[in-house]
């Protein structure tokens, strides 16, 4: 089972709100997930990203890989080490 850290979309039409979730890479975008590790709200100016640092480190240590979008959000926020983003 390959683990991914990716975005799950919530919110109303044209008002998206995302959760950063750890999930199996074969499950649907808004389907079953293992744990919520943060949120992303693009409606705010600037866009708000909150991350549970301890949970993120735990799941990265267990082999979960972030998607490209999540990696760029975490890198911009400074929560993802450059070495972990290169994997």
C-alpha atoms as a PDB file:
ATOM      1  CA  UNK A   1       0.000   0.000   0.000  1.00  0.00           C
ATOM      2  CA  UNK A   2       1.567   3.261  -1.181  1.00  0.00           C
ATOM      3  CA  UNK A   3       0.742   6.232   1.015  1.00  0.00           C
ATOM      4  CA  UNK A   4       0.283   9.735  -0.359  1.00  0.00           C
ATOM      5  CA  UNK A   5      -0.223  13.112   1.290  1.00  0.00           C
ATOM      6  CA  UNK A   6      -2.680  14.942  -0.923  1.00  0.00           C
ATOM      7  CA  UNK A   7      -5.535  17.429  -1.016  1.00  0.00           C
ATOM      8  CA  UNK A   8      -9.174  16.491  -0.397  1.00  0.00           C
ATOM      9  CA  UNK A   9     -11.648  19.129  -1.567  1.00  0.00           C
ATOM     10  CA  UNK A  10     -14.403  20.460   0.682  1.00  0.00           C
ATOM     11  CA  UNK A  11     -16.448  23.653   0.712  1.00  0.00           C
ATOM     12  CA  UNK A  12     -19.206  25.049  -1.449  1.00  0.00           C
ATOM     13  CA  UNK A  13     -19.302  25.527  -5.191  1.00  0.00           C
ATOM     14  CA  UNK A  14     -16.658  28.092  -6.234  1.00  0.00           C
ATOM     15  CA  UNK A  15     -15.526  28.353  -2.576  1.00  0.00           C
ATOM     16  CA  UNK A  16     -13.019  25.505  -2.216  1.00  0.00           C
ATOM     17  CA  UNK A  17     -11.431  24.486   1.048  1.00  0.00           C
ATOM     18  CA  UNK A  18      -8.930  21.653   1.182  1.00  0.00           C
ATOM     19  CA  UNK A  19      -7.671  19.220   3.798  1.00  0.00           C
ATOM     20  CA  UNK A  20      -4.190  17.730   3.600  1.00  0.00           C
ATOM     21  CA  UNK A  21      -4.821  14.048   4.171  1.00  0.00           C
ATOM     22  CA  UNK A  22      -2.773  10.853   4.267  1.00  0.00           C
ATOM     23  CA  UNK A  23      -4.385   8.203   2.110  1.00  0.00           C
ATOM     24  CA  UNK A  24      -3.783   5.149  -0.029  1.00  0.00           C
ATOM     25  CA  UNK A  25      -2.883   6.329  -3.525  1.00  0.00           C
ATOM     26  CA  UNK A  26      -5.686   4.208  -5.042  1.00  0.00           C
ATOM     27  CA  UNK A  27      -8.549   5.756  -3.047  1.00  0.00           C
ATOM     28  CA  UNK A  28     -10.683   8.519  -4.615  1.00  0.00           C
ATOM     29  CA  UNK A  29      -9.877  12.206  -4.094  1.00  0.00           C
ATOM     30  CA  UNK A  30     -12.599  12.800  -1.504  1.00  0.00           C
ATOM     31  CA  UNK A  31     -12.795   9.204  -0.309  1.00  0.00           C
ATOM     32  CA  UNK A  32     -11.506   7.340   2.713  1.00  0.00           C
ATOM     33  CA  UNK A  33      -8.307   8.622   4.328  1.00  0.00           C
ATOM     34  CA  UNK A  34      -6.108   7.670   7.263  1.00  0.00           C
ATOM     35  CA  UNK A  35      -5.494  11.029   8.939  1.00  0.00           C
ATOM     36  CA  UNK A  36      -5.815  14.788   8.459  1.00  0.00           C
ATOM     37  CA  UNK A  37      -2.420  16.494   8.692  1.00  0.00           C
ATOM     38  CA  UNK A  38      -3.429  20.042   7.763  1.00  0.00           C
ATOM     39  CA  UNK A  39      -5.659  22.419   5.817  1.00  0.00           C
ATOM     40  CA  UNK A  40      -5.351  24.782   2.847  1.00  0.00           C
ATOM     41  CA  UNK A  41      -7.713  27.713   2.255  1.00  0.00           C
ATOM     42  CA  UNK A  42      -7.055  29.450  -1.081  1.00  0.00           C
ATOM     43  CA  UNK A  43      -9.917  31.941  -0.516  1.00  0.00           C
ATOM     44  CA  UNK A  44      -7.943  33.990   2.001  1.00  0.00           C
ATOM     45  CA  UNK A  45      -5.424  36.611   0.940  1.00  0.00           C
ATOM     46  CA  UNK A  46      -2.745  35.311   1.218  1.00  0.00           C
ATOM     47  CA  UNK A  47      -3.781  31.676   1.048  1.00  0.00           C
ATOM     48  CA  UNK A  48      -3.736  30.029   4.481  1.00  0.00           C
ATOM     49  CA  UNK A  49      -1.913  26.751   5.026  1.00  0.00           C
ATOM     50  CA  UNK A  50      -1.958  25.073   8.442  1.00  0.00           C
ATOM     51  CA  UNK A  51       0.018  21.919   9.142  1.00  0.00           C
ATOM     52  CA  UNK A  52       0.285  19.615  12.137  1.00  0.00           C
ATOM     53  CA  UNK A  53       4.091  19.382  12.092  1.00  0.00           C
ATOM     54  CA  UNK A  54       4.337  16.301  14.326  1.00  0.00           C
ATOM     55  CA  UNK A  55       1.834  14.286  12.288  1.00  0.00           C
ATOM     56  CA  UNK A  56       3.467  15.351   9.033  1.00  0.00           C
ATOM     57  CA  UNK A  57       6.884  14.210  10.252  1.00  0.00           C
ATOM     58  CA  UNK A  58       5.389  10.935  11.501  1.00  0.00           C
ATOM     59  CA  UNK A  59       3.776  10.098   8.146  1.00  0.00           C
ATOM     60  CA  UNK A  60       6.801  11.180   6.141  1.00  0.00           C
ATOM     61  CA  UNK A  61       8.864   8.867   8.332  1.00  0.00           C
ATOM     62  CA  UNK A  62       6.448   6.025   7.586  1.00  0.00           C
ATOM     63  CA  UNK A  63       7.005   6.475   3.860  1.00  0.00           C
ATOM     64  CA  UNK A  64       4.129   8.716   2.774  1.00  0.00           C
ATOM     65  CA  UNK A  65       5.064  10.888  -0.198  1.00  0.00           C
ATOM     66  CA  UNK A  66       3.422  14.272  -0.863  1.00  0.00           C
ATOM     67  CA  UNK A  67       1.928  15.067  -4.254  1.00  0.00           C
ATOM     68  CA  UNK A  68       3.574  17.836  -6.273  1.00  0.00           C
ATOM     69  CA  UNK A  69       0.932  20.366  -5.215  1.00  0.00           C
ATOM     70  CA  UNK A  70       1.189  19.486  -1.521  1.00  0.00           C
ATOM     71  CA  UNK A  71       4.988  19.528  -1.700  1.00  0.00           C
ATOM     72  CA  UNK A  72       4.947  23.041  -3.176  1.00  0.00           C
ATOM     73  CA  UNK A  73       2.500  24.240  -0.483  1.00  0.00           C
ATOM     74  CA  UNK A  74       4.640  22.757   2.283  1.00  0.00           C
ATOM     75  CA  UNK A  75       7.866  24.080   0.774  1.00  0.00           C
ATOM     76  CA  UNK A  76       6.381  27.587   0.493  1.00  0.00           C
ATOM     77  CA  UNK A  77       5.309  27.371   4.141  1.00  0.00           C
ATOM     78  CA  UNK A  78       8.681  25.951   5.207  1.00  0.00           C
ATOM     79  CA  UNK A  79       7.240  22.759   6.712  1.00  0.00           C
ATOM     80  CA  UNK A  80       8.952  20.429   4.263  1.00  0.00           C
ATOM     81  CA  UNK A  81      12.708  19.986   4.273  1.00  0.00           C
ATOM     82  CA  UNK A  82      14.301  20.354   0.812  1.00  0.00           C
ATOM     83  CA  UNK A  83      15.679  16.797   0.990  1.00  0.00           C
ATOM     84  CA  UNK A  84      12.199  15.349   1.613  1.00  0.00           C
ATOM     85  CA  UNK A  85      10.731  17.398  -1.260  1.00  0.00           C
ATOM     86  CA  UNK A  86      13.257  15.982  -3.729  1.00  0.00           C
ATOM     87  CA  UNK A  87      12.107  12.375  -3.182  1.00  0.00           C
END
